[in-house]
Amino acid sequence: MKDNRSPWVWIPTLYFAEGLPYFIVNTISVVMYKNLGMPNGRLAALTSLLYLPWVIKTSHYSLCTAFMALSMMIPGMFAGYLQEALGYTGFFVLVMVCSILSIGITALAARKVEAHPSQV
């Protein structure tokens, strides 16, 4: 029997499941703190701090994306300055010479993996 349901049916279920960890952590922490005799004001403050990771998720993503872009920009700027100093042909030759080392190491690693008898 063929199931004719669309894969999009899972979207509401997944969205609901994404909120479950917050709900479980929040509910269990309230019960635990209340059983320890904590006052309501302090309980509310500590429980609201548990929600912080869900609140800053978007900000954390944008900050990490900015650092990733910076980590690509700095080597690109260095390569640009180096290309201006050496010219196109000199820069191309430098890149090809530097690539020889990585190609050689890759060839040696591939040969060692093929020669190892326990990998067969």
PDB file of N, CA and C in Angstrom:
ATOM      1  N   MET A   1       0.842  -1.179   0.000  1.00  0.00           N
ATOM      2  CA  MET A   1       0.000   0.000   0.000  1.00  0.00           C
ATOM      3  C   MET A   1       0.887   1.243   0.000  1.00  0.00           C
ATOM      4  N   LYS A   2       0.650   2.127  -0.924  1.00  0.00           N
ATOM      5  CA  LYS A   2       1.481   3.316  -1.084  1.00  0.00           C
ATOM      6  C   LYS A   2       0.959   4.450  -0.204  1.00  0.00           C
ATOM      7  N   ASP A   3       1.898   5.136   0.451  1.00  0.00           N
ATOM      8  CA  ASP A   3       1.549   6.271   1.297  1.00  0.00           C
ATOM      9  C   ASP A   3       1.610   7.538   0.447  1.00  0.00           C
ATOM     10  N   ASN A   4       0.507   8.220   0.284  1.00  0.00           N
ATOM     11  CA  ASN A   4       0.435   9.389  -0.589  1.00  0.00           C
ATOM     12  C   ASN A   4       0.606  10.699   0.158  1.00  0.00           C
ATOM     13  N   ARG A   5       1.034  10.641   1.411  1.00  0.00           N
ATOM     14  CA  ARG A   5       1.207  11.878   2.173  1.00  0.00           C
ATOM     15  C   ARG A   5       2.435  12.636   1.693  1.00  0.00           C
ATOM     16  N   SER A   6       2.333  13.918   1.735  1.00  0.00           N
ATOM     17  CA  SER A   6       3.439  14.785   1.316  1.00  0.00           C
ATOM     18  C   SER A   6       4.497  14.852   2.426  1.00  0.00           C
ATOM     19  N   PRO A   7       5.759  14.999   2.053  1.00  0.00           N
ATOM     20  CA  PRO A   7       6.798  15.160   3.086  1.00  0.00           C
ATOM     21  C   PRO A   7       6.612  16.437   3.908  1.00  0.00           C
ATOM     22  N   TRP A   8       5.862  17.384   3.380  1.00  0.00           N
ATOM     23  CA  TRP A   8       5.643  18.642   4.107  1.00  0.00           C
ATOM     24  C   TRP A   8       4.798  18.444   5.365  1.00  0.00           C
ATOM     25  N   VAL A   9       4.182  17.277   5.515  1.00  0.00           N
ATOM     26  CA  VAL A   9       3.386  16.990   6.710  1.00  0.00           C
ATOM     27  C   VAL A   9       4.264  17.011   7.960  1.00  0.00           C
ATOM     28  N   TRP A  10       5.546  16.708   7.814  1.00  0.00           N
ATOM     29  CA  TRP A  10       6.448  16.632   8.961  1.00  0.00           C
ATOM     30  C   TRP A  10       6.849  18.004   9.495  1.00  0.00           C
ATOM     31  N   ILE A  11       6.668  19.075   8.739  1.00  0.00           N
ATOM     32  CA  ILE A  11       7.126  20.398   9.159  1.00  0.00           C
ATOM     33  C   ILE A  11       6.515  20.825  10.496  1.00  0.00           C
ATOM     34  N   PRO A  12       5.199  20.763  10.692  1.00  0.00           N
ATOM     35  CA  PRO A  12       4.660  21.153  12.010  1.00  0.00           C
ATOM     36  C   PRO A  12       5.172  20.258  13.139  1.00  0.00           C
ATOM     37  N   THR A  13       5.350  18.977  12.849  1.00  0.00           N
ATOM     38  CA  THR A  13       5.850  18.055  13.869  1.00  0.00           C
ATOM     39  C   THR A  13       7.270  18.413  14.276  1.00  0.00           C
ATOM     40  N   LEU A  14       8.105  18.711  13.310  1.00  0.00           N
ATOM     41  CA  LEU A  14       9.490  19.085  13.615  1.00  0.00           C
ATOM     42  C   LEU A  14       9.547  20.408  14.362  1.00  0.00           C
ATOM     43  N   TYR A  15       8.690  21.353  13.988  1.00  0.00           N
ATOM     44  CA  TYR A  15       8.663  22.641  14.679  1.00  0.00           C
ATOM     45  C   TYR A  15       8.234  22.453  16.133  1.00  0.00           C
ATOM     46  N   PHE A  16       7.279  21.578  16.366  1.00  0.00           N
ATOM     47  CA  PHE A  16       6.845  21.263  17.721  1.00  0.00           C
ATOM     48  C   PHE A  16       7.973  20.588  18.495  1.00  0.00           C
ATOM     49  N   ALA A  17       8.676  19.647  17.856  1.00  0.00           N
ATOM     50  CA  ALA A  17       9.758  18.922  18.512  1.00  0.00           C
ATOM     51  C   ALA A  17      10.927  19.842  18.859  1.00  0.00           C
ATOM     52  N   GLU A  18      11.117  20.912  18.092  1.00  0.00           N
ATOM     53  CA  GLU A  18      12.188  21.857  18.386  1.00  0.00           C
ATOM     54  C   GLU A  18      11.946  22.576  19.716  1.00  0.00           C
ATOM     55  N   GLY A  19      10.699  22.790  20.061  1.00  0.00           N
ATOM     56  CA  GLY A  19      10.375  23.473  21.309  1.00  0.00           C
ATOM     57  C   GLY A  19      10.332  22.559  22.523  1.00  0.00           C
ATOM     58  N   LEU A  20      10.314  21.255  22.322  1.00  0.00           N
ATOM     59  CA  LEU A  20      10.224  20.320  23.448  1.00  0.00           C
ATOM     60  C   LEU A  20      11.390  20.433  24.436  1.00  0.00           C
ATOM     61  N   PRO A  21      12.641  20.533  23.992  1.00  0.00           N
ATOM     62  CA  PRO A  21      13.724  20.629  24.982  1.00  0.00           C
ATOM     63  C   PRO A  21      13.561  21.831  25.906  1.00  0.00           C
ATOM     64  N   TYR A  22      13.157  22.974  25.360  1.00  0.00           N
ATOM     65  CA  TYR A  22      12.948  24.153  26.206  1.00  0.00           C
ATOM     66  C   TYR A  22      11.831  23.886  27.213  1.00  0.00           C
ATOM     67  N   PHE A  23      10.743  23.310  26.751  1.00  0.00           N
ATOM     68  CA  PHE A  23       9.613  23.046  27.634  1.00  0.00           C
ATOM     69  C   PHE A  23      10.006  22.094  28.756  1.00  0.00           C
ATOM     70  N   ILE A  24      10.732  21.029  28.405  1.00  0.00           N
ATOM     71  CA  ILE A  24      11.120  20.034  29.410  1.00  0.00           C
ATOM     72  C   ILE A  24      12.083  20.634  30.419  1.00  0.00           C
ATOM     73  N   VAL A  25      13.108  21.336  29.942  1.00  0.00           N
ATOM     74  CA  VAL A  25      14.088  21.954  30.851  1.00  0.00           C
ATOM     75  C   VAL A  25      13.413  22.965  31.753  1.00  0.00           C
ATOM     76  N   ASN A  26      12.541  23.779  31.190  1.00  0.00           N
ATOM     77  CA  ASN A  26      11.875  24.812  31.978  1.00  0.00           C
ATOM     78  C   ASN A  26      10.962  24.201  33.035  1.00  0.00           C
ATOM     79  N   THR A  27      10.174  23.221  32.676  1.00  0.00           N
ATOM     80  CA  THR A  27       9.240  22.612  33.618  1.00  0.00           C
ATOM     81  C   THR A  27       9.975  21.872  34.734  1.00  0.00           C
ATOM     82  N   ILE A  28      10.966  21.084  34.370  1.00  0.00           N
ATOM     83  CA  ILE A  28      11.705  20.322  35.386  1.00  0.00           C
ATOM     84  C   ILE A  28      12.457  21.258  36.323  1.00  0.00           C
ATOM     85  N   SER A  29      13.028  22.342  35.780  1.00  0.00           N
ATOM     86  CA  SER A  29      13.774  23.261  36.648  1.00  0.00           C
ATOM     87  C   SER A  29      12.847  23.980  37.630  1.00  0.00           C
ATOM     88  N   VAL A  30      11.649  24.343  37.180  1.00  0.00           N
ATOM     89  CA  VAL A  30      10.704  25.003  38.093  1.00  0.00           C
ATOM     90  C   VAL A  30      10.334  24.070  39.234  1.00  0.00           C
ATOM     91  N   VAL A  31      10.028  22.827  38.919  1.00  0.00           N
ATOM     92  CA  VAL A  31       9.660  21.855  39.956  1.00  0.00           C
ATOM     93  C   VAL A  31      10.842  21.610  40.894  1.00  0.00           C
ATOM     94  N   MET A  32      12.032  21.455  40.337  1.00  0.00           N
ATOM     95  CA  MET A  32      13.215  21.181  41.151  1.00  0.00           C
ATOM     96  C   MET A  32      13.530  22.357  42.080  1.00  0.00           C
ATOM     97  N   TYR A  33      13.514  23.574  41.537  1.00  0.00           N
ATOM     98  CA  TYR A  33      13.817  24.749  42.367  1.00  0.00           C
ATOM     99  C   TYR A  33      12.749  24.948  43.450  1.00  0.00           C
ATOM    100  N   LYS A  34      11.487  24.687  43.125  1.00  0.00           N
ATOM    101  CA  LYS A  34      10.416  24.847  44.113  1.00  0.00           C
ATOM    102  C   LYS A  34      10.563  23.813  45.225  1.00  0.00           C
ATOM    103  N   ASN A  35      10.967  22.569  44.876  1.00  0.00           N
ATOM    104  CA  ASN A  35      11.188  21.545  45.899  1.00  0.00           C
ATOM    105  C   ASN A  35      12.381  21.875  46.786  1.00  0.00           C
ATOM    106  N   LEU A  36      13.336  22.644  46.278  1.00  0.00           N
ATOM    107  CA  LEU A  36      14.481  23.065  47.091  1.00  0.00           C
ATOM    108  C   LEU A  36      14.149  24.253  47.984  1.00  0.00           C
ATOM    109  N   GLY A  37      12.929  24.800  47.867  1.00  0.00           N
ATOM    110  CA  GLY A  37      12.493  25.889  48.726  1.00  0.00           C
ATOM    111  C   GLY A  37      12.941  27.255  48.245  1.00  0.00           C
ATOM    112  N   MET A  38      13.188  27.423  46.975  1.00  0.00           N
ATOM    113  CA  MET A  38      13.652  28.700  46.434  1.00  0.00           C
ATOM    114  C   MET A  38      12.476  29.675  46.334  1.00  0.00           C
ATOM    115  N   PRO A  39      12.704  30.950  46.660  1.00  0.00           N
ATOM    116  CA  PRO A  39      11.623  31.938  46.526  1.00  0.00           C
ATOM    117  C   PRO A  39      11.220  32.133  45.055  1.00  0.00           C
ATOM    118  N   ASN A  40       9.979  32.582  44.845  1.00  0.00           N
ATOM    119  CA  ASN A  40       9.430  32.698  43.491  1.00  0.00           C
ATOM    120  C   ASN A  40      10.201  33.683  42.612  1.00  0.00           C
ATOM    121  N   GLY A  41      10.672  34.786  43.165  1.00  0.00           N
ATOM    122  CA  GLY A  41      11.397  35.780  42.380  1.00  0.00           C
ATOM    123  C   GLY A  41      12.706  35.227  41.837  1.00  0.00           C
ATOM    124  N   ARG A  42      13.449  34.559  42.708  1.00  0.00           N
ATOM    125  CA  ARG A  42      14.721  33.970  42.270  1.00  0.00           C
ATOM    126  C   ARG A  42      14.480  32.816  41.302  1.00  0.00           C
ATOM    127  N   LEU A  43      13.423  32.054  41.542  1.00  0.00           N
ATOM    128  CA  LEU A  43      13.065  30.956  40.651  1.00  0.00           C
ATOM    129  C   LEU A  43      12.763  31.486  39.251  1.00  0.00           C
ATOM    130  N   ALA A  44      12.022  32.584  39.171  1.00  0.00           N
ATOM    131  CA  ALA A  44      11.695  33.171  37.865  1.00  0.00           C
ATOM    132  C   ALA A  44      12.950  33.680  37.162  1.00  0.00           C
ATOM    133  N   ALA A  45      13.873  34.289  37.913  1.00  0.00           N
ATOM    134  CA  ALA A  45      15.099  34.817  37.311  1.00  0.00           C
ATOM    135  C   ALA A  45      15.973  33.689  36.765  1.00  0.00           C
ATOM    136  N   LEU A  46      16.144  32.636  37.540  1.00  0.00           N
ATOM    137  CA  LEU A  46      16.986  31.530  37.083  1.00  0.00           C
ATOM    138  C   LEU A  46      16.346  30.770  35.922  1.00  0.00           C
ATOM    139  N   THR A  47      15.034  30.619  35.962  1.00  0.00           N
ATOM    140  CA  THR A  47      14.357  29.916  34.882  1.00  0.00           C
ATOM    141  C   THR A  47      14.411  30.731  33.589  1.00  0.00           C
ATOM    142  N   SER A  48      14.337  32.056  33.691  1.00  0.00           N
ATOM    143  CA  SER A  48      14.425  32.876  32.481  1.00  0.00           C
ATOM    144  C   SER A  48      15.831  32.823  31.879  1.00  0.00           C
ATOM    145  N   LEU A  49      16.855  32.614  32.701  1.00  0.00           N
ATOM    146  CA  LEU A  49      18.214  32.467  32.173  1.00  0.00           C
ATOM    147  C   LEU A  49      18.367  31.180  31.366  1.00  0.00           C
ATOM    148  N   LEU A  50      17.576  30.156  31.715  1.00  0.00           N
ATOM    149  CA  LEU A  50      17.631  28.906  30.957  1.00  0.00           C
ATOM    150  C   LEU A  50      17.095  29.085  29.536  1.00  0.00           C
ATOM    151  N   TYR A  51      16.274  30.107  29.328  1.00  0.00           N
ATOM    152  CA  TYR A  51      15.710  30.368  28.010  1.00  0.00           C
ATOM    153  C   TYR A  51      16.676  31.138  27.115  1.00  0.00           C
ATOM    154  N   LEU A  52      17.749  31.668  27.686  1.00  0.00           N
ATOM    155  CA  LEU A  52      18.687  32.520  26.957  1.00  0.00           C
ATOM    156  C   LEU A  52      19.252  31.875  25.687  1.00  0.00           C
ATOM    157  N   PRO A  53      19.685  30.608  25.688  1.00  0.00           N
ATOM    158  CA  PRO A  53      20.215  30.038  24.437  1.00  0.00           C
ATOM    159  C   PRO A  53      19.212  30.043  23.283  1.00  0.00           C
ATOM    160  N   TRP A  54      17.928  29.877  23.568  1.00  0.00           N
ATOM    161  CA  TRP A  54      16.931  29.897  22.509  1.00  0.00           C
ATOM    162  C   TRP A  54      16.710  31.316  22.002  1.00  0.00           C
ATOM    163  N   VAL A  55      16.934  32.309  22.863  1.00  0.00           N
ATOM    164  CA  VAL A  55      16.734  33.701  22.468  1.00  0.00           C
ATOM    165  C   VAL A  55      17.879  34.192  21.593  1.00  0.00           C
ATOM    166  N   ILE A  56      19.111  33.864  21.951  1.00  0.00           N
ATOM    167  CA  ILE A  56      20.265  34.420  21.243  1.00  0.00           C
ATOM    168  C   ILE A  56      20.737  33.543  20.090  1.00  0.00           C
ATOM    169  N   LYS A  57      19.950  32.564  19.705  1.00  0.00           N
ATOM    170  CA  LYS A  57      20.351  31.648  18.636  1.00  0.00           C
ATOM    171  C   LYS A  57      20.652  32.408  17.340  1.00  0.00           C
ATOM    172  N   THR A  58      19.803  33.331  16.962  1.00  0.00           N
ATOM    173  CA  THR A  58      19.988  34.084  15.726  1.00  0.00           C
ATOM    174  C   THR A  58      21.187  35.014  15.815  1.00  0.00           C
ATOM    175  N   SER A  59      21.358  35.671  16.951  1.00  0.00           N
ATOM    176  CA  SER A  59      22.504  36.561  17.122  1.00  0.00           C
ATOM    177  C   SER A  59      23.805  35.774  17.093  1.00  0.00           C
ATOM    178  N   HIS A  60      23.807  34.618  17.708  1.00  0.00           N
ATOM    179  CA  HIS A  60      25.004  33.775  17.717  1.00  0.00           C
ATOM    180  C   HIS A  60      25.355  33.342  16.306  1.00  0.00           C
ATOM    181  N   TYR A  61      24.354  32.996  15.509  1.00  0.00           N
ATOM    182  CA  TYR A  61      24.589  32.593  14.128  1.00  0.00           C
ATOM    183  C   TYR A  61      25.204  33.737  13.318  1.00  0.00           C
ATOM    184  N   SER A  62      24.654  34.942  13.474  1.00  0.00           N
ATOM    185  CA  SER A  62      25.174  36.068  12.695  1.00  0.00           C
ATOM    186  C   SER A  62      26.587  36.441  13.134  1.00  0.00           C
ATOM    187  N   LEU A  63      26.888  36.336  14.414  1.00  0.00           N
ATOM    188  CA  LEU A  63      28.238  36.629  14.890  1.00  0.00           C
ATOM    189  C   LEU A  63      29.237  35.602  14.355  1.00  0.00           C
ATOM    190  N   CYS A  64      28.871  34.341  14.380  1.00  0.00           N
ATOM    191  CA  CYS A  64      29.770  33.301  13.849  1.00  0.00           C
ATOM    192  C   CYS A  64      29.949  33.438  12.342  1.00  0.00           C
ATOM    193  N   THR A  65      28.902  33.849  11.636  1.00  0.00           N
ATOM    194  CA  THR A  65      29.013  34.066  10.200  1.00  0.00           C
ATOM    195  C   THR A  65      29.959  35.223   9.902  1.00  0.00           C
ATOM    196  N   ALA A  66      29.908  36.266  10.734  1.00  0.00           N
ATOM    197  CA  ALA A  66      30.823  37.394  10.545  1.00  0.00           C
ATOM    198  C   ALA A  66      32.274  36.967  10.764  1.00  0.00           C
ATOM    199  N   PHE A  67      32.535  36.155  11.773  1.00  0.00           N
ATOM    200  CA  PHE A  67      33.896  35.670  12.001  1.00  0.00           C
ATOM    201  C   PHE A  67      34.354  34.761  10.861  1.00  0.00           C
ATOM    202  N   MET A  68      33.443  33.973  10.304  1.00  0.00           N
ATOM    203  CA  MET A  68      33.796  33.123   9.179  1.00  0.00           C
ATOM    204  C   MET A  68      34.163  33.971   7.965  1.00  0.00           C
ATOM    205  N   ALA A  69      33.391  35.027   7.708  1.00  0.00           N
ATOM    206  CA  ALA A  69      33.693  35.900   6.582  1.00  0.00           C
ATOM    207  C   ALA A  69      35.031  36.601   6.794  1.00  0.00           C
ATOM    208  N   LEU A  70      35.312  36.998   8.028  1.00  0.00           N
ATOM    209  CA  LEU A  70      36.591  37.638   8.331  1.00  0.00           C
ATOM    210  C   LEU A  70      37.738  36.666   8.122  1.00  0.00           C
ATOM    211  N   SER A  71      37.521  35.400   8.471  1.00  0.00           N
ATOM    212  CA  SER A  71      38.590  34.414   8.299  1.00  0.00           C
ATOM    213  C   SER A  71      38.863  34.135   6.827  1.00  0.00           C
ATOM    214  N   MET A  72      37.930  34.455   5.943  1.00  0.00           N
ATOM    215  CA  MET A  72      38.190  34.313   4.510  1.00  0.00           C
ATOM    216  C   MET A  72      38.741  35.611   3.925  1.00  0.00           C
ATOM    217  N   MET A  73      38.379  36.748   4.518  1.00  0.00           N
ATOM    218  CA  MET A  73      38.830  38.032   3.990  1.00  0.00           C
ATOM    219  C   MET A  73      40.309  38.285   4.240  1.00  0.00           C
ATOM    220  N   ILE A  74      40.802  37.934   5.413  1.00  0.00           N
ATOM    221  CA  ILE A  74      42.197  38.234   5.770  1.00  0.00           C
ATOM    222  C   ILE A  74      43.174  37.497   4.853  1.00  0.00           C
ATOM    223  N   PRO A  75      43.044  36.174   4.630  1.00  0.00           N
ATOM    224  CA  PRO A  75      43.940  35.543   3.658  1.00  0.00           C
ATOM    225  C   PRO A  75      43.763  36.083   2.243  1.00  0.00           C
ATOM    226  N   GLY A  76      42.538  36.465   1.874  1.00  0.00           N
ATOM    227  CA  GLY A  76      42.303  37.042   0.559  1.00  0.00           C
ATOM    228  C   GLY A  76      43.006  38.378   0.385  1.00  0.00           C
ATOM    229  N   MET A  77      42.996  39.190   1.451  1.00  0.00           N
ATOM    230  CA  MET A  77      43.702  40.473   1.386  1.00  0.00           C
ATOM    231  C   MET A  77      45.207  40.245   1.277  1.00  0.00           C
ATOM    232  N   PHE A  78      45.721  39.294   2.031  1.00  0.00           N
ATOM    233  CA  PHE A  78      47.153  38.979   1.965  1.00  0.00           C
ATOM    234  C   PHE A  78      47.524  38.499   0.569  1.00  0.00           C
ATOM    235  N   ALA A  79      46.682  37.626  -0.008  1.00  0.00           N
ATOM    236  CA  ALA A  79      46.951  37.129  -1.360  1.00  0.00           C
ATOM    237  C   ALA A  79      46.880  38.262  -2.377  1.00  0.00           C
ATOM    238  N   GLY A  80      45.968  39.204  -2.175  1.00  0.00           N
ATOM    239  CA  GLY A  80      45.871  40.349  -3.090  1.00  0.00           C
ATOM    240  C   GLY A  80      47.119  41.216  -3.043  1.00  0.00           C
ATOM    241  N   TYR A  81      47.609  41.502  -1.834  1.00  0.00           N
ATOM    242  CA  TYR A  81      48.844  42.294  -1.706  1.00  0.00           C
ATOM    243  C   TYR A  81      50.023  41.555  -2.324  1.00  0.00           C
ATOM    244  N   LEU A  82      50.073  40.242  -2.108  1.00  0.00           N
ATOM    245  CA  LEU A  82      51.166  39.436  -2.660  1.00  0.00           C
ATOM    246  C   LEU A  82      51.104  39.416  -4.187  1.00  0.00           C
ATOM    247  N   GLN A  83      49.898  39.342  -4.727  1.00  0.00           N
ATOM    248  CA  GLN A  83      49.744  39.340  -6.188  1.00  0.00           C
ATOM    249  C   GLN A  83      50.159  40.682  -6.769  1.00  0.00           C
ATOM    250  N   GLU A  84      49.826  41.772  -6.098  1.00  0.00           N
ATOM    251  CA  GLU A  84      50.235  43.084  -6.593  1.00  0.00           C
ATOM    252  C   GLU A  84      51.747  43.237  -6.560  1.00  0.00           C
ATOM    253  N   ALA A  85      52.386  42.651  -5.562  1.00  0.00           N
ATOM    254  CA  ALA A  85      53.841  42.758  -5.455  1.00  0.00           C
ATOM    255  C   ALA A  85      54.549  41.882  -6.485  1.00  0.00           C
ATOM    256  N   LEU A  86      54.000  40.687  -6.764  1.00  0.00           N
ATOM    257  CA  LEU A  86      54.677  39.747  -7.664  1.00  0.00           C
ATOM    258  C   LEU A  86      54.194  39.844  -9.111  1.00  0.00           C
ATOM    259  N   GLY A  87      53.033  40.397  -9.346  1.00  0.00           N
ATOM    260  CA  GLY A  87      52.441  40.374 -10.679  1.00  0.00           C
ATOM    261  C   GLY A  87      51.681  39.071 -10.876  1.00  0.00           C
ATOM    262  N   TYR A  88      50.859  39.024 -11.928  1.00  0.00           N
ATOM    263  CA  TYR A  88      50.031  37.840 -12.146  1.00  0.00           C
ATOM    264  C   TYR A  88      50.869  36.576 -12.384  1.00  0.00           C
ATOM    265  N   THR A  89      51.872  36.700 -13.233  1.00  0.00           N
ATOM    266  CA  THR A  89      52.676  35.524 -13.570  1.00  0.00           C
ATOM    267  C   THR A  89      53.462  35.035 -12.359  1.00  0.00           C
ATOM    268  N   GLY A  90      54.092  35.940 -11.630  1.00  0.00           N
ATOM    269  CA  GLY A  90      54.856  35.556 -10.445  1.00  0.00           C
ATOM    270  C   GLY A  90      53.972  34.938  -9.371  1.00  0.00           C
ATOM    271  N   PHE A  91      52.772  35.496  -9.194  1.00  0.00           N
ATOM    272  CA  PHE A  91      51.843  34.954  -8.205  1.00  0.00           C
ATOM    273  C   PHE A  91      51.388  33.555  -8.597  1.00  0.00           C
ATOM    274  N   PHE A  92      51.109  33.354  -9.895  1.00  0.00           N
ATOM    275  CA  PHE A  92      50.706  32.036 -10.377  1.00  0.00           C
ATOM    276  C   PHE A  92      51.814  31.017 -10.143  1.00  0.00           C
ATOM    277  N   VAL A  93      53.056  31.385 -10.437  1.00  0.00           N
ATOM    278  CA  VAL A  93      54.183  30.476 -10.224  1.00  0.00           C
ATOM    279  C   VAL A  93      54.325  30.156  -8.737  1.00  0.00           C
ATOM    280  N   LEU A  94      54.183  31.166  -7.866  1.00  0.00           N
ATOM    281  CA  LEU A  94      54.284  30.935  -6.415  1.00  0.00           C
ATOM    282  C   LEU A  94      53.206  29.970  -5.931  1.00  0.00           C
ATOM    283  N   VAL A  95      51.989  30.148  -6.414  1.00  0.00           N
ATOM    284  CA  VAL A  95      50.893  29.256  -6.007  1.00  0.00           C
ATOM    285  C   VAL A  95      51.165  27.832  -6.486  1.00  0.00           C
ATOM    286  N   MET A  96      51.652  27.679  -7.699  1.00  0.00           N
ATOM    287  CA  MET A  96      51.949  26.340  -8.219  1.00  0.00           C
ATOM    288  C   MET A  96      53.088  25.680  -7.433  1.00  0.00           C
ATOM    289  N   VAL A  97      54.107  26.436  -7.068  1.00  0.00           N
ATOM    290  CA  VAL A  97      55.219  25.881  -6.283  1.00  0.00           C
ATOM    291  C   VAL A  97      54.732  25.459  -4.901  1.00  0.00           C
ATOM    292  N   CYS A  98      53.889  26.286  -4.287  1.00  0.00           N
ATOM    293  CA  CYS A  98      53.359  25.935  -2.966  1.00  0.00           C
ATOM    294  C   CYS A  98      52.422  24.723  -3.047  1.00  0.00           C
ATOM    295  N   SER A  99      51.769  24.523  -4.168  1.00  0.00           N
ATOM    296  CA  SER A  99      50.852  23.391  -4.323  1.00  0.00           C
ATOM    297  C   SER A  99      51.589  22.071  -4.472  1.00  0.00           C
ATOM    298  N   ILE A 100      52.831  22.121  -4.938  1.00  0.00           N
ATOM    299  CA  ILE A 100      53.596  20.887  -5.132  1.00  0.00           C
ATOM    300  C   ILE A 100      53.733  20.124  -3.816  1.00  0.00           C
ATOM    301  N   LEU A 101      53.958  20.831  -2.715  1.00  0.00           N
ATOM    302  CA  LEU A 101      54.110  20.189  -1.412  1.00  0.00           C
ATOM    303  C   LEU A 101      52.832  19.441  -1.021  1.00  0.00           C
ATOM    304  N   SER A 102      51.677  20.072  -1.152  1.00  0.00           N
ATOM    305  CA  SER A 102      50.433  19.397  -0.761  1.00  0.00           C
ATOM    306  C   SER A 102      50.109  18.229  -1.697  1.00  0.00           C
ATOM    307  N   ILE A 103      50.424  18.362  -2.970  1.00  0.00           N
ATOM    308  CA  ILE A 103      50.194  17.256  -3.903  1.00  0.00           C
ATOM    309  C   ILE A 103      51.104  16.076  -3.556  1.00  0.00           C
ATOM    310  N   GLY A 104      52.353  16.368  -3.208  1.00  0.00           N
ATOM    311  CA  GLY A 104      53.288  15.307  -2.821  1.00  0.00           C
ATOM    312  C   GLY A 104      52.863  14.585  -1.556  1.00  0.00           C
ATOM    313  N   ILE A 105      52.415  15.331  -0.561  1.00  0.00           N
ATOM    314  CA  ILE A 105      51.960  14.714   0.694  1.00  0.00           C
ATOM    315  C   ILE A 105      50.723  13.858   0.446  1.00  0.00           C
ATOM    316  N   THR A 106      49.816  14.322  -0.407  1.00  0.00           N
ATOM    317  CA  THR A 106      48.627  13.541  -0.736  1.00  0.00           C
ATOM    318  C   THR A 106      49.007  12.243  -1.430  1.00  0.00           C
ATOM    319  N   ALA A 107      49.969  12.305  -2.338  1.00  0.00           N
ATOM    320  CA  ALA A 107      50.406  11.094  -3.036  1.00  0.00           C
ATOM    321  C   ALA A 107      51.042  10.104  -2.063  1.00  0.00           C
ATOM    322  N   LEU A 108      51.847  10.612  -1.124  1.00  0.00           N
ATOM    323  CA  LEU A 108      52.463   9.725  -0.122  1.00  0.00           C
ATOM    324  C   LEU A 108      51.407   9.104   0.793  1.00  0.00           C
ATOM    325  N   ALA A 109      50.428   9.880   1.182  1.00  0.00           N
ATOM    326  CA  ALA A 109      49.379   9.357   2.065  1.00  0.00           C
ATOM    327  C   ALA A 109      48.561   8.296   1.343  1.00  0.00           C
ATOM    328  N   ALA A 110      48.266   8.521   0.092  1.00  0.00           N
ATOM    329  CA  ALA A 110      47.495   7.532  -0.670  1.00  0.00           C
ATOM    330  C   ALA A 110      48.290   6.239  -0.827  1.00  0.00           C
ATOM    331  N   ARG A 111      49.597   6.348  -1.022  1.00  0.00           N
ATOM    332  CA  ARG A 111      50.421   5.147  -1.179  1.00  0.00           C
ATOM    333  C   ARG A 111      50.490   4.375   0.131  1.00  0.00           C
ATOM    334  N   LYS A 112      50.576   5.079   1.268  1.00  0.00           N
ATOM    335  CA  LYS A 112      50.641   4.395   2.556  1.00  0.00           C
ATOM    336  C   LYS A 112      49.341   3.681   2.882  1.00  0.00           C
ATOM    337  N   VAL A 113      48.226   4.259   2.524  1.00  0.00           N
ATOM    338  CA  VAL A 113      46.940   3.618   2.790  1.00  0.00           C
ATOM    339  C   VAL A 113      46.799   2.357   1.943  1.00  0.00           C
ATOM    340  N   GLU A 114      47.237   2.393   0.690  1.00  0.00           N
ATOM    341  CA  GLU A 114      47.138   1.218  -0.172  1.00  0.00           C
ATOM    342  C   GLU A 114      48.091   0.100   0.281  1.00  0.00           C
ATOM    343  N   ALA A 115      49.226   0.463   0.866  1.00  0.00           N
ATOM    344  CA  ALA A 115      50.221  -0.538   1.241  1.00  0.00           C
ATOM    345  C   ALA A 115      49.915  -1.217   2.569  1.00  0.00           C
ATOM    346  N   HIS A 116      48.995  -0.680   3.349  1.00  0.00           N
ATOM    347  CA  HIS A 116      48.722  -1.223   4.670  1.00  0.00           C
ATOM    348  C   HIS A 116      47.852  -2.472   4.561  1.00  0.00           C
ATOM    349  N   PRO A 117      48.321  -3.653   5.006  1.00  0.00           N
ATOM    350  CA  PRO A 117      47.556  -4.903   4.802  1.00  0.00           C
ATOM    351  C   PRO A 117      46.308  -5.014   5.670  1.00  0.00           C
ATOM    352  N   SER A 118      46.257  -4.353   6.819  1.00  0.00           N
ATOM    353  CA  SER A 118      45.080  -4.502   7.682  1.00  0.00           C
ATOM    354  C   SER A 118      43.867  -3.756   7.149  1.00  0.00           C
ATOM    355  N   GLN A 119      44.043  -2.907   6.174  1.00  0.00           N
ATOM    356  CA  GLN A 119      42.931  -2.138   5.606  1.00  0.00           C
ATOM    357  C   GLN A 119      42.214  -2.919   4.495  1.00  0.00           C
ATOM    358  N   VAL A 120      42.730  -4.065   4.104  1.00  0.00           N
ATOM    359  CA  VAL A 120      42.148  -4.811   2.985  1.00  0.00           C
ATOM    360  C   VAL A 120      40.928  -5.580   3.414  1.00  0.00           C
TER     361      VAL A 120
END
